[in-house]
Amino acid sequence: MLRICLLMILLGTATGCGANPEAKPLPATVPVSGVVTLNGQPLSAATVIFIPQGQTKGTECQGMTDESGGYRLTQQHGGEGAPPGDYKVVINRLLRGDGTPLPPEGAGAGGIAVETLPRQYSDITATKLTAVVSQAGGEFKFDLQGKK
């Protein structure tokens, strides 16, 4: 999880906060959605992150799973969906110490958040999850195995 946070900070500082008149616009996106299950059961309150690989243009795209495990991606700083291309996929599910999902604003000052998914899904350096988004978009189901 620390690696994910450091990656997010690094990406944020690399892209900057102000508008750059020379910056190229983000690539067009196509609809991307899907379902995440854990041991065959819908997984709610999980963040699904598609990270562009190889020649794929654009930035990270992410979505949050609902009670049915469903998610829809949004391109970070961009439109709904994701640009066509190849992606590494990371799925995180952070819960408070009492087992309840984090609110949208995070754990807050002094709050504790615990990653509940195995490292093979939640760690950018360990995940083997991938997706290839076609020109038409698509639906991607991820059936994770492990402790709930």
Foldseek 3Di string as FASTA:
>chain_A
DVVVVVVVVVVDVVVDDDDDPPDDDFDDFAKEKAFEAEPPQGDFQKKKWWQADDPFTAGIWIWGAHNRRMTWIQGVVGGTHGHFAKTFIAMWFWPWPVRHGADPVGQPVPTDIDTDADCCRHPPVRDPDMDGADPNGYYDYHYHYDDD
